[in-house]
Amino acid sequence: MESGNVSAIATAYQIATLTYPSFEAIELLKPLPFERVLELLLIMRQSPRPVKSPVNFLRRAINENWSPETMPEKVNRHIEYIEENHYIKKGYTVDQAREIVQSRRREG
């Protein structure tokens, strides 16, 4: 990855959060197209609550394919964990179980 792109990501992150990004945040955003990075930072900026863990917020936004039009929703992680374990016991992989739980949440 070009150092210019890392510099652009760092600058955009600083504009969105008024803080310098951690190494982990840069590594998370580096492989993404710059437009997607800007979109993710806009989502973080628009969050109705303060973001306590930007890296976890960004990781979840990437994994769940958030867009500025779809705001993050409050999720009961304990219930999701139980549901994921249920599907894992049925023979699904961890990623498959997580995807099933997330798709069921989106449906309703």
PDB file of N, CA and C in Angstrom:
ATOM      1  N   MET A   1       0.853  -1.184   0.000  1.00  0.00           N
ATOM      2  CA  MET A   1       0.000   0.000   0.000  1.00  0.00           C
ATOM      3  C   MET A   1       0.891   1.236   0.000  1.00  0.00           C
ATOM      4  N   GLU A   2       0.506   2.204  -0.766  1.00  0.00           N
ATOM      5  CA  GLU A   2       1.288   3.434  -0.855  1.00  0.00           C
ATOM      6  C   GLU A   2       1.201   4.224   0.442  1.00  0.00           C
ATOM      7  N   SER A   3       2.305   4.894   0.783  1.00  0.00           N
ATOM      8  CA  SER A   3       2.290   5.706   2.000  1.00  0.00           C
ATOM      9  C   SER A   3       1.364   6.911   1.835  1.00  0.00           C
ATOM     10  N   GLY A   4       1.152   7.358   0.596  1.00  0.00           N
ATOM     11  CA  GLY A   4       0.227   8.466   0.347  1.00  0.00           C
ATOM     12  C   GLY A   4      -1.193   8.096   0.718  1.00  0.00           C
ATOM     13  N   ASN A   5      -1.569   6.843   0.444  1.00  0.00           N
ATOM     14  CA  ASN A   5      -2.910   6.390   0.787  1.00  0.00           C
ATOM     15  C   ASN A   5      -3.068   6.278   2.297  1.00  0.00           C
ATOM     16  N   VAL A   6      -2.032   5.812   2.982  1.00  0.00           N
ATOM     17  CA  VAL A   6      -2.074   5.735   4.447  1.00  0.00           C
ATOM     18  C   VAL A   6      -2.188   7.134   5.024  1.00  0.00           C
ATOM     19  N   SER A   7      -1.466   8.050   4.429  1.00  0.00           N
ATOM     20  CA  SER A   7      -1.524   9.444   4.875  1.00  0.00           C
ATOM     21  C   SER A   7      -2.926  10.022   4.666  1.00  0.00           C
ATOM     22  N   ALA A   8      -3.537   9.699   3.526  1.00  0.00           N
ATOM     23  CA  ALA A   8      -4.893  10.187   3.239  1.00  0.00           C
ATOM     24  C   ALA A   8      -5.897   9.577   4.222  1.00  0.00           C
ATOM     25  N   ILE A   9      -5.735   8.287   4.524  1.00  0.00           N
ATOM     26  CA  ILE A   9      -6.623   7.625   5.484  1.00  0.00           C
ATOM     27  C   ILE A   9      -6.471   8.272   6.855  1.00  0.00           C
ATOM     28  N   ALA A  10      -5.222   8.508   7.268  1.00  0.00           N
ATOM     29  CA  ALA A  10      -4.974   9.128   8.572  1.00  0.00           C
ATOM     30  C   ALA A  10      -5.587  10.519   8.648  1.00  0.00           C
ATOM     31  N   THR A  11      -5.447  11.289   7.578  1.00  0.00           N
ATOM     32  CA  THR A  11      -6.004  12.645   7.548  1.00  0.00           C
ATOM     33  C   THR A  11      -7.533  12.609   7.610  1.00  0.00           C
ATOM     34  N   ALA A  12      -8.136  11.725   6.819  1.00  0.00           N
ATOM     35  CA  ALA A  12      -9.601  11.611   6.836  1.00  0.00           C
ATOM     36  C   ALA A  12     -10.088  11.170   8.213  1.00  0.00           C
ATOM     37  N   TYR A  13      -9.372  10.247   8.831  1.00  0.00           N
ATOM     38  CA  TYR A  13      -9.731   9.774  10.168  1.00  0.00           C
ATOM     39  C   TYR A  13      -9.661  10.930  11.166  1.00  0.00           C
ATOM     40  N   GLN A  14      -8.604  11.723  11.067  1.00  0.00           N
ATOM     41  CA  GLN A  14      -8.460  12.864  11.975  1.00  0.00           C
ATOM     42  C   GLN A  14      -9.580  13.874  11.787  1.00  0.00           C
ATOM     43  N   ILE A  15      -9.973  14.103  10.559  1.00  0.00           N
ATOM     44  CA  ILE A  15     -11.069  15.041  10.291  1.00  0.00           C
ATOM     45  C   ILE A  15     -12.371  14.521  10.902  1.00  0.00           C
ATOM     46  N   ALA A  16     -12.603  13.219  10.779  1.00  0.00           N
ATOM     47  CA  ALA A  16     -13.853  12.634  11.272  1.00  0.00           C
ATOM     48  C   ALA A  16     -13.900  12.539  12.789  1.00  0.00           C
ATOM     49  N   THR A  17     -12.752  12.260  13.423  1.00  0.00           N
ATOM     50  CA  THR A  17     -12.773  11.965  14.860  1.00  0.00           C
ATOM     51  C   THR A  17     -12.031  12.986  15.721  1.00  0.00           C
ATOM     52  N   LEU A  18     -11.244  13.830  15.097  1.00  0.00           N
ATOM     53  CA  LEU A  18     -10.387  14.798  15.788  1.00  0.00           C
ATOM     54  C   LEU A  18      -9.318  14.114  16.642  1.00  0.00           C
ATOM     55  N   THR A  19      -9.010  12.869  16.313  1.00  0.00           N
ATOM     56  CA  THR A  19      -7.933  12.129  16.972  1.00  0.00           C
ATOM     57  C   THR A  19      -7.121  11.416  15.898  1.00  0.00           C
ATOM     58  N   TYR A  20      -5.873  11.055  16.242  1.00  0.00           N
ATOM     59  CA  TYR A  20      -5.041  10.334  15.284  1.00  0.00           C
ATOM     60  C   TYR A  20      -5.406   8.846  15.345  1.00  0.00           C
ATOM     61  N   PRO A  21      -5.496   8.172  14.192  1.00  0.00           N
ATOM     62  CA  PRO A  21      -5.897   6.755  14.208  1.00  0.00           C
ATOM     63  C   PRO A  21      -4.807   5.861  14.790  1.00  0.00           C
ATOM     64  N   SER A  22      -5.229   4.800  15.446  1.00  0.00           N
ATOM     65  CA  SER A  22      -4.290   3.808  15.956  1.00  0.00           C
ATOM     66  C   SER A  22      -3.743   2.997  14.778  1.00  0.00           C
ATOM     67  N   PHE A  23      -2.668   2.296  15.031  1.00  0.00           N
ATOM     68  CA  PHE A  23      -2.091   1.427  14.013  1.00  0.00           C
ATOM     69  C   PHE A  23      -3.127   0.395  13.562  1.00  0.00           C
ATOM     70  N   GLU A  24      -3.890  -0.148  14.521  1.00  0.00           N
ATOM     71  CA  GLU A  24      -4.910  -1.151  14.212  1.00  0.00           C
ATOM     72  C   GLU A  24      -5.998  -0.576  13.297  1.00  0.00           C
ATOM     73  N   ALA A  25      -6.392   0.665  13.539  1.00  0.00           N
ATOM     74  CA  ALA A  25      -7.407   1.303  12.693  1.00  0.00           C
ATOM     75  C   ALA A  25      -6.883   1.494  11.273  1.00  0.00           C
ATOM     76  N   ILE A  26      -5.643   1.933  11.156  1.00  0.00           N
ATOM     77  CA  ILE A  26      -5.032   2.113   9.822  1.00  0.00           C
ATOM     78  C   ILE A  26      -4.981   0.775   9.096  1.00  0.00           C
ATOM     79  N   GLU A  27      -4.535  -0.279   9.794  1.00  0.00           N
ATOM     80  CA  GLU A  27      -4.434  -1.603   9.181  1.00  0.00           C
ATOM     81  C   GLU A  27      -5.801  -2.126   8.755  1.00  0.00           C
ATOM     82  N   LEU A  28      -6.835  -1.801   9.497  1.00  0.00           N
ATOM     83  CA  LEU A  28      -8.186  -2.224   9.172  1.00  0.00           C
ATOM     84  C   LEU A  28      -8.710  -1.514   7.921  1.00  0.00           C
ATOM     85  N   LEU A  29      -8.374  -0.229   7.792  1.00  0.00           N
ATOM     86  CA  LEU A  29      -8.888   0.577   6.685  1.00  0.00           C
ATOM     87  C   LEU A  29      -8.021   0.516   5.428  1.00  0.00           C
ATOM     88  N   LYS A  30      -6.762   0.181   5.583  1.00  0.00           N
ATOM     89  CA  LYS A  30      -5.809   0.220   4.470  1.00  0.00           C
ATOM     90  C   LYS A  30      -6.221  -0.600   3.246  1.00  0.00           C
ATOM     91  N   PRO A  31      -6.727  -1.820   3.405  1.00  0.00           N
ATOM     92  CA  PRO A  31      -7.065  -2.602   2.208  1.00  0.00           C
ATOM     93  C   PRO A  31      -8.339  -2.145   1.486  1.00  0.00           C
ATOM     94  N   LEU A  32      -9.099  -1.265   2.098  1.00  0.00           N
ATOM     95  CA  LEU A  32     -10.378  -0.833   1.522  1.00  0.00           C
ATOM     96  C   LEU A  32     -10.170   0.287   0.507  1.00  0.00           C
ATOM     97  N   PRO A  33     -11.081   0.380  -0.479  1.00  0.00           N
ATOM     98  CA  PRO A  33     -11.037   1.536  -1.379  1.00  0.00           C
ATOM     99  C   PRO A  33     -11.246   2.824  -0.572  1.00  0.00           C
ATOM    100  N   PHE A  34     -10.597   3.905  -0.997  1.00  0.00           N
ATOM    101  CA  PHE A  34     -10.642   5.153  -0.234  1.00  0.00           C
ATOM    102  C   PHE A  34     -12.071   5.663  -0.071  1.00  0.00           C
ATOM    103  N   GLU A  35     -12.913   5.486  -1.086  1.00  0.00           N
ATOM    104  CA  GLU A  35     -14.304   5.927  -0.977  1.00  0.00           C
ATOM    105  C   GLU A  35     -15.024   5.191   0.155  1.00  0.00           C
ATOM    106  N   ARG A  36     -14.733   3.900   0.313  1.00  0.00           N
ATOM    107  CA  ARG A  36     -15.348   3.129   1.394  1.00  0.00           C
ATOM    108  C   ARG A  36     -14.846   3.604   2.754  1.00  0.00           C
ATOM    109  N   VAL A  37     -13.555   3.948   2.823  1.00  0.00           N
ATOM    110  CA  VAL A  37     -12.988   4.484   4.064  1.00  0.00           C
ATOM    111  C   VAL A  37     -13.735   5.762   4.452  1.00  0.00           C
ATOM    112  N   LEU A  38     -13.942   6.642   3.490  1.00  0.00           N
ATOM    113  CA  LEU A  38     -14.661   7.889   3.765  1.00  0.00           C
ATOM    114  C   LEU A  38     -16.091   7.602   4.220  1.00  0.00           C
ATOM    115  N   GLU A  39     -16.713   6.637   3.589  1.00  0.00           N
ATOM    116  CA  GLU A  39     -18.077   6.258   3.945  1.00  0.00           C
ATOM    117  C   GLU A  39     -18.133   5.737   5.382  1.00  0.00           C
ATOM    118  N   LEU A  40     -17.188   4.887   5.750  1.00  0.00           N
ATOM    119  CA  LEU A  40     -17.149   4.340   7.111  1.00  0.00           C
ATOM    120  C   LEU A  40     -16.910   5.431   8.148  1.00  0.00           C
ATOM    121  N   LEU A  41     -16.038   6.369   7.822  1.00  0.00           N
ATOM    122  CA  LEU A  41     -15.767   7.468   8.750  1.00  0.00           C
ATOM    123  C   LEU A  41     -16.982   8.383   8.882  1.00  0.00           C
ATOM    124  N   LEU A  42     -17.737   8.545   7.810  1.00  0.00           N
ATOM    125  CA  LEU A  42     -18.979   9.316   7.871  1.00  0.00           C
ATOM    126  C   LEU A  42     -19.987   8.616   8.787  1.00  0.00           C
ATOM    127  N   ILE A  43     -20.080   7.305   8.669  1.00  0.00           N
ATOM    128  CA  ILE A  43     -20.984   6.539   9.536  1.00  0.00           C
ATOM    129  C   ILE A  43     -20.594   6.731  10.991  1.00  0.00           C
ATOM    130  N   MET A  44     -19.288   6.653  11.261  1.00  0.00           N
ATOM    131  CA  MET A  44     -18.815   6.820  12.633  1.00  0.00           C
ATOM    132  C   MET A  44     -19.125   8.232  13.122  1.00  0.00           C
ATOM    133  N   ARG A  45     -18.949   9.215  12.264  1.00  0.00           N
ATOM    134  CA  ARG A  45     -19.216  10.608  12.622  1.00  0.00           C
ATOM    135  C   ARG A  45     -20.700  10.833  12.905  1.00  0.00           C
ATOM    136  N   GLN A  46     -21.568  10.136  12.170  1.00  0.00           N
ATOM    137  CA  GLN A  46     -23.010  10.303  12.309  1.00  0.00           C
ATOM    138  C   GLN A  46     -23.593   9.518  13.482  1.00  0.00           C
ATOM    139  N   SER A  47     -22.794   8.703  14.121  1.00  0.00           N
ATOM    140  CA  SER A  47     -23.298   7.865  15.209  1.00  0.00           C
ATOM    141  C   SER A  47     -23.977   8.727  16.266  1.00  0.00           C
ATOM    142  N   PRO A  48     -25.191   8.358  16.670  1.00  0.00           N
ATOM    143  CA  PRO A  48     -25.916   9.168  17.648  1.00  0.00           C
ATOM    144  C   PRO A  48     -25.277   9.144  19.039  1.00  0.00           C
ATOM    145  N   ARG A  49     -24.472   8.128  19.301  1.00  0.00           N
ATOM    146  CA  ARG A  49     -23.771   8.020  20.584  1.00  0.00           C
ATOM    147  C   ARG A  49     -22.270   8.122  20.344  1.00  0.00           C
ATOM    148  N   PRO A  50     -21.528   8.570  21.332  1.00  0.00           N
ATOM    149  CA  PRO A  50     -20.075   8.609  21.178  1.00  0.00           C
ATOM    150  C   PRO A  50     -19.528   7.197  20.946  1.00  0.00           C
ATOM    151  N   VAL A  51     -18.578   7.090  20.042  1.00  0.00           N
ATOM    152  CA  VAL A  51     -17.969   5.798  19.724  1.00  0.00           C
ATOM    153  C   VAL A  51     -16.808   5.583  20.686  1.00  0.00           C
ATOM    154  N   LYS A  52     -16.966   4.604  21.585  1.00  0.00           N
ATOM    155  CA  LYS A  52     -15.944   4.361  22.599  1.00  0.00           C
ATOM    156  C   LYS A  52     -14.762   3.583  22.038  1.00  0.00           C
ATOM    157  N   SER A  53     -15.032   2.685  21.104  1.00  0.00           N
ATOM    158  CA  SER A  53     -13.981   1.868  20.504  1.00  0.00           C
ATOM    159  C   SER A  53     -14.069   1.976  18.981  1.00  0.00           C
ATOM    160  N   PRO A  54     -13.370   2.953  18.401  1.00  0.00           N
ATOM    161  CA  PRO A  54     -13.456   3.145  16.951  1.00  0.00           C
ATOM    162  C   PRO A  54     -13.085   1.906  16.135  1.00  0.00           C
ATOM    163  N   VAL A  55     -12.081   1.164  16.573  1.00  0.00           N
ATOM    164  CA  VAL A  55     -11.664  -0.016  15.804  1.00  0.00           C
ATOM    165  C   VAL A  55     -12.776  -1.058  15.786  1.00  0.00           C
ATOM    166  N   ASN A  56     -13.387  -1.320  16.931  1.00  0.00           N
ATOM    167  CA  ASN A  56     -14.488  -2.285  16.972  1.00  0.00           C
ATOM    168  C   ASN A  56     -15.692  -1.794  16.176  1.00  0.00           C
ATOM    169  N   PHE A  57     -15.970  -0.503  16.254  1.00  0.00           N
ATOM    170  CA  PHE A  57     -17.066   0.091  15.489  1.00  0.00           C
ATOM    171  C   PHE A  57     -16.817  -0.101  13.998  1.00  0.00           C
ATOM    172  N   LEU A  58     -15.598   0.225  13.547  1.00  0.00           N
ATOM    173  CA  LEU A  58     -15.264   0.098  12.127  1.00  0.00           C
ATOM    174  C   LEU A  58     -15.280  -1.362  11.684  1.00  0.00           C
ATOM    175  N   ARG A  59     -14.763  -2.249  12.521  1.00  0.00           N
ATOM    176  CA  ARG A  59     -14.752  -3.676  12.187  1.00  0.00           C
ATOM    177  C   ARG A  59     -16.181  -4.180  11.980  1.00  0.00           C
ATOM    178  N   ARG A  60     -17.070  -3.783  12.882  1.00  0.00           N
ATOM    179  CA  ARG A  60     -18.467  -4.210  12.762  1.00  0.00           C
ATOM    180  C   ARG A  60     -19.124  -3.594  11.521  1.00  0.00           C
ATOM    181  N   ALA A  61     -18.820  -2.332  11.264  1.00  0.00           N
ATOM    182  CA  ALA A  61     -19.383  -1.664  10.087  1.00  0.00           C
ATOM    183  C   ALA A  61     -18.934  -2.348   8.801  1.00  0.00           C
ATOM    184  N   ILE A  62     -17.687  -2.790   8.775  1.00  0.00           N
ATOM    185  CA  ILE A  62     -17.169  -3.487   7.590  1.00  0.00           C
ATOM    186  C   ILE A  62     -17.824  -4.857   7.474  1.00  0.00           C
ATOM    187  N   ASN A  63     -17.847  -5.613   8.576  1.00  0.00           N
ATOM    188  CA  ASN A  63     -18.401  -6.970   8.549  1.00  0.00           C
ATOM    189  C   ASN A  63     -19.875  -6.996   8.200  1.00  0.00           C
ATOM    190  N   GLU A  64     -20.608  -5.992   8.663  1.00  0.00           N
ATOM    191  CA  GLU A  64     -22.055  -5.967   8.442  1.00  0.00           C
ATOM    192  C   GLU A  64     -22.443  -5.072   7.269  1.00  0.00           C
ATOM    193  N   ASN A  65     -21.432  -4.568   6.569  1.00  0.00           N
ATOM    194  CA  ASN A  65     -21.639  -3.773   5.350  1.00  0.00           C
ATOM    195  C   ASN A  65     -22.575  -2.581   5.572  1.00  0.00           C
ATOM    196  N   TRP A  66     -22.301  -1.811   6.639  1.00  0.00           N
ATOM    197  CA  TRP A  66     -23.107  -0.636   6.911  1.00  0.00           C
ATOM    198  C   TRP A  66     -22.901   0.418   5.835  1.00  0.00           C
ATOM    199  N   SER A  67     -23.917   1.228   5.646  1.00  0.00           N
ATOM    200  CA  SER A  67     -23.818   2.387   4.757  1.00  0.00           C
ATOM    201  C   SER A  67     -24.333   3.601   5.530  1.00  0.00           C
ATOM    202  N   PRO A  68     -24.076   4.806   5.026  1.00  0.00           N
ATOM    203  CA  PRO A  68     -24.561   5.993   5.745  1.00  0.00           C
ATOM    204  C   PRO A  68     -26.084   6.014   5.907  1.00  0.00           C
ATOM    205  N   GLU A  69     -26.784   5.322   5.028  1.00  0.00           N
ATOM    206  CA  GLU A  69     -28.246   5.286   5.124  1.00  0.00           C
ATOM    207  C   GLU A  69     -28.726   4.309   6.183  1.00  0.00           C
ATOM    208  N   THR A  70     -27.920   3.301   6.500  1.00  0.00           N
ATOM    209  CA  THR A  70     -28.308   2.320   7.510  1.00  0.00           C
ATOM    210  C   THR A  70     -27.503   2.573   8.769  1.00  0.00           C
ATOM    211  N   MET A  71     -28.128   3.130   9.735  1.00  0.00           N
ATOM    212  CA  MET A  71     -27.443   3.433  10.983  1.00  0.00           C
ATOM    213  C   MET A  71     -27.311   2.160  11.807  1.00  0.00           C
ATOM    214  N   PRO A  72     -26.272   2.089  12.641  1.00  0.00           N
ATOM    215  CA  PRO A  72     -26.122   0.914  13.488  1.00  0.00           C
ATOM    216  C   PRO A  72     -27.296   0.776  14.450  1.00  0.00           C
ATOM    217  N   GLU A  73     -27.653  -0.456  14.708  1.00  0.00           N
ATOM    218  CA  GLU A  73     -28.752  -0.687  15.640  1.00  0.00           C
ATOM    219  C   GLU A  73     -28.232  -1.396  16.882  1.00  0.00           C
ATOM    220  N   LYS A  74     -28.904  -1.165  17.981  1.00  0.00           N
ATOM    221  CA  LYS A  74     -28.510  -1.785  19.236  1.00  0.00           C
ATOM    222  C   LYS A  74     -28.759  -3.287  19.150  1.00  0.00           C
ATOM    223  N   VAL A  75     -27.767  -4.055  19.559  1.00  0.00           N
ATOM    224  CA  VAL A  75     -27.834  -5.506  19.448  1.00  0.00           C
ATOM    225  C   VAL A  75     -27.548  -6.121  20.809  1.00  0.00           C
ATOM    226  N   ASN A  76     -28.310  -7.140  21.168  1.00  0.00           N
ATOM    227  CA  ASN A  76     -28.054  -7.871  22.393  1.00  0.00           C
ATOM    228  C   ASN A  76     -27.006  -8.935  22.071  1.00  0.00           C
ATOM    229  N   ARG A  77     -25.755  -8.666  22.401  1.00  0.00           N
ATOM    230  CA  ARG A  77     -24.648  -9.567  22.068  1.00  0.00           C
ATOM    231  C   ARG A  77     -24.784 -10.910  22.771  1.00  0.00           C
ATOM    232  N   HIS A  78     -25.339 -10.923  23.962  1.00  0.00           N
ATOM    233  CA  HIS A  78     -25.501 -12.177  24.691  1.00  0.00           C
ATOM    234  C   HIS A  78     -26.420 -13.124  23.920  1.00  0.00           C
ATOM    235  N   ILE A  79     -27.537 -12.608  23.449  1.00  0.00           N
ATOM    236  CA  ILE A  79     -28.481 -13.419  22.673  1.00  0.00           C
ATOM    237  C   ILE A  79     -27.825 -13.888  21.372  1.00  0.00           C
ATOM    238  N   GLU A  80     -27.105 -12.993  20.696  1.00  0.00           N
ATOM    239  CA  GLU A  80     -26.434 -13.378  19.453  1.00  0.00           C
ATOM    240  C   GLU A  80     -25.412 -14.483  19.706  1.00  0.00           C
ATOM    241  N   TYR A  81     -24.688 -14.395  20.791  1.00  0.00           N
ATOM    242  CA  TYR A  81     -23.684 -15.396  21.124  1.00  0.00           C
ATOM    243  C   TYR A  81     -24.350 -16.764  21.327  1.00  0.00           C
ATOM    244  N   ILE A  82     -25.470 -16.774  22.029  1.00  0.00           N
ATOM    245  CA  ILE A  82     -26.200 -18.021  22.255  1.00  0.00           C
ATOM    246  C   ILE A  82     -26.699 -18.596  20.927  1.00  0.00           C
ATOM    247  N   GLU A  83     -27.254 -17.734  20.075  1.00  0.00           N
ATOM    248  CA  GLU A  83     -27.744 -18.196  18.776  1.00  0.00           C
ATOM    249  C   GLU A  83     -26.605 -18.725  17.910  1.00  0.00           C
ATOM    250  N   GLU A  84     -25.461 -18.033  17.901  1.00  0.00           N
ATOM    251  CA  GLU A  84     -24.312 -18.503  17.126  1.00  0.00           C
ATOM    252  C   GLU A  84     -23.868 -19.876  17.611  1.00  0.00           C
ATOM    253  N   ASN A  85     -23.793 -20.062  18.916  1.00  0.00           N
ATOM    254  CA  ASN A  85     -23.397 -21.361  19.471  1.00  0.00           C
ATOM    255  C   ASN A  85     -24.388 -22.454  19.078  1.00  0.00           C
ATOM    256  N   HIS A  86     -25.651 -22.113  19.008  1.00  0.00           N
ATOM    257  CA  HIS A  86     -26.677 -23.064  18.587  1.00  0.00           C
ATOM    258  C   HIS A  86     -26.371 -23.576  17.174  1.00  0.00           C
ATOM    259  N   TYR A  87     -26.058 -22.659  16.258  1.00  0.00           N
ATOM    260  CA  TYR A  87     -25.770 -23.051  14.876  1.00  0.00           C
ATOM    261  C   TYR A  87     -24.431 -23.769  14.755  1.00  0.00           C
ATOM    262  N   ILE A  88     -23.473 -23.398  15.582  1.00  0.00           N
ATOM    263  CA  ILE A  88     -22.174 -24.080  15.569  1.00  0.00           C
ATOM    264  C   ILE A  88     -22.360 -25.539  15.996  1.00  0.00           C
ATOM    265  N   LYS A  89     -23.199 -25.765  17.007  1.00  0.00           N
ATOM    266  CA  LYS A  89     -23.474 -27.134  17.463  1.00  0.00           C
ATOM    267  C   LYS A  89     -24.193 -27.955  16.398  1.00  0.00           C
ATOM    268  N   LYS A  90     -24.926 -27.264  15.510  1.00  0.00           N
ATOM    269  CA  LYS A  90     -25.606 -27.954  14.412  1.00  0.00           C
ATOM    270  C   LYS A  90     -24.650 -28.285  13.264  1.00  0.00           C
ATOM    271  N   GLY A  91     -23.389 -27.826  13.361  1.00  0.00           N
ATOM    272  CA  GLY A  91     -22.399 -28.179  12.344  1.00  0.00           C
ATOM    273  C   GLY A  91     -21.954 -27.043  11.448  1.00  0.00           C
ATOM    274  N   TYR A  92     -22.471 -25.847  11.660  1.00  0.00           N
ATOM    275  CA  TYR A  92     -22.046 -24.708  10.865  1.00  0.00           C
ATOM    276  C   TYR A  92     -20.695 -24.197  11.364  1.00  0.00           C
ATOM    277  N   THR A  93     -19.946 -23.525  10.476  1.00  0.00           N
ATOM    278  CA  THR A  93     -18.705 -22.892  10.906  1.00  0.00           C
ATOM    279  C   THR A  93     -19.053 -21.631  11.680  1.00  0.00           C
ATOM    280  N   VAL A  94     -18.080 -21.051  12.358  1.00  0.00           N
ATOM    281  CA  VAL A  94     -18.302 -19.823  13.128  1.00  0.00           C
ATOM    282  C   VAL A  94     -18.792 -18.710  12.197  1.00  0.00           C
ATOM    283  N   ASP A  95     -18.150 -18.569  11.032  1.00  0.00           N
ATOM    284  CA  ASP A  95     -18.552 -17.515  10.085  1.00  0.00           C
ATOM    285  C   ASP A  95     -19.959 -17.753   9.550  1.00  0.00           C
ATOM    286  N   GLN A  96     -20.284 -19.008   9.247  1.00  0.00           N
ATOM    287  CA  GLN A  96     -21.627 -19.313   8.751  1.00  0.00           C
ATOM    288  C   GLN A  96     -22.677 -19.024   9.820  1.00  0.00           C
ATOM    289  N   ALA A  97     -22.380 -19.415  11.055  1.00  0.00           N
ATOM    290  CA  ALA A  97     -23.320 -19.176  12.154  1.00  0.00           C
ATOM    291  C   ALA A  97     -23.546 -17.685  12.354  1.00  0.00           C
ATOM    292  N   ARG A  98     -22.468 -16.906  12.329  1.00  0.00           N
ATOM    293  CA  ARG A  98     -22.573 -15.457  12.500  1.00  0.00           C
ATOM    294  C   ARG A  98     -23.411 -14.846  11.380  1.00  0.00           C
ATOM    295  N   GLU A  99     -23.194 -15.303  10.147  1.00  0.00           N
ATOM    296  CA  GLU A  99     -23.953 -14.774   9.012  1.00  0.00           C
ATOM    297  C   GLU A  99     -25.437 -15.108   9.139  1.00  0.00           C
ATOM    298  N   ILE A 100     -25.753 -16.303   9.575  1.00  0.00           N
ATOM    299  CA  ILE A 100     -27.162 -16.689   9.757  1.00  0.00           C
ATOM    300  C   ILE A 100     -27.819 -15.805  10.804  1.00  0.00           C
ATOM    301  N   VAL A 101     -27.147 -15.608  11.930  1.00  0.00           N
ATOM    302  CA  VAL A 101     -27.705 -14.783  13.007  1.00  0.00           C
ATOM    303  C   VAL A 101     -27.903 -13.347  12.525  1.00  0.00           C
ATOM    304  N   GLN A 102     -26.915 -12.808  11.809  1.00  0.00           N
ATOM    305  CA  GLN A 102     -27.025 -11.428  11.326  1.00  0.00           C
ATOM    306  C   GLN A 102     -28.116 -11.293  10.277  1.00  0.00           C
ATOM    307  N   SER A 103     -28.260 -12.279   9.398  1.00  0.00           N
ATOM    308  CA  SER A 103     -29.313 -12.193   8.369  1.00  0.00           C
ATOM    309  C   SER A 103     -30.693 -12.307   9.012  1.00  0.00           C
ATOM    310  N   ARG A 104     -30.818 -13.131  10.055  1.00  0.00           N
ATOM    311  CA  ARG A 104     -32.097 -13.227  10.760  1.00  0.00           C
ATOM    312  C   ARG A 104     -32.436 -11.906  11.463  1.00  0.00           C
ATOM    313  N   ARG A 105     -31.406 -11.221  11.978  1.00  0.00           N
ATOM    314  CA  ARG A 105     -31.633  -9.936  12.636  1.00  0.00           C
ATOM    315  C   ARG A 105     -32.119  -8.900  11.614  1.00  0.00           C
ATOM    316  N   ARG A 106     -31.524  -8.921  10.421  1.00  0.00           N
ATOM    317  CA  ARG A 106     -31.915  -7.967   9.375  1.00  0.00           C
ATOM    318  C   ARG A 106     -33.343  -8.193   8.916  1.00  0.00           C
ATOM    319  N   GLU A 107     -33.773  -9.460   8.895  1.00  0.00           N
ATOM    320  CA  GLU A 107     -35.123  -9.794   8.427  1.00  0.00           C
ATOM    321  C   GLU A 107     -36.210  -9.339   9.384  1.00  0.00           C
ATOM    322  N   GLY A 108     -35.863  -9.316  10.639  1.00  0.00           N
ATOM    323  CA  GLY A 108     -36.954  -8.869  11.445  1.00  0.00           C
ATOM    324  C   GLY A 108     -36.881  -9.018  12.869  1.00  0.00           C
TER     325      GLY A 108
END
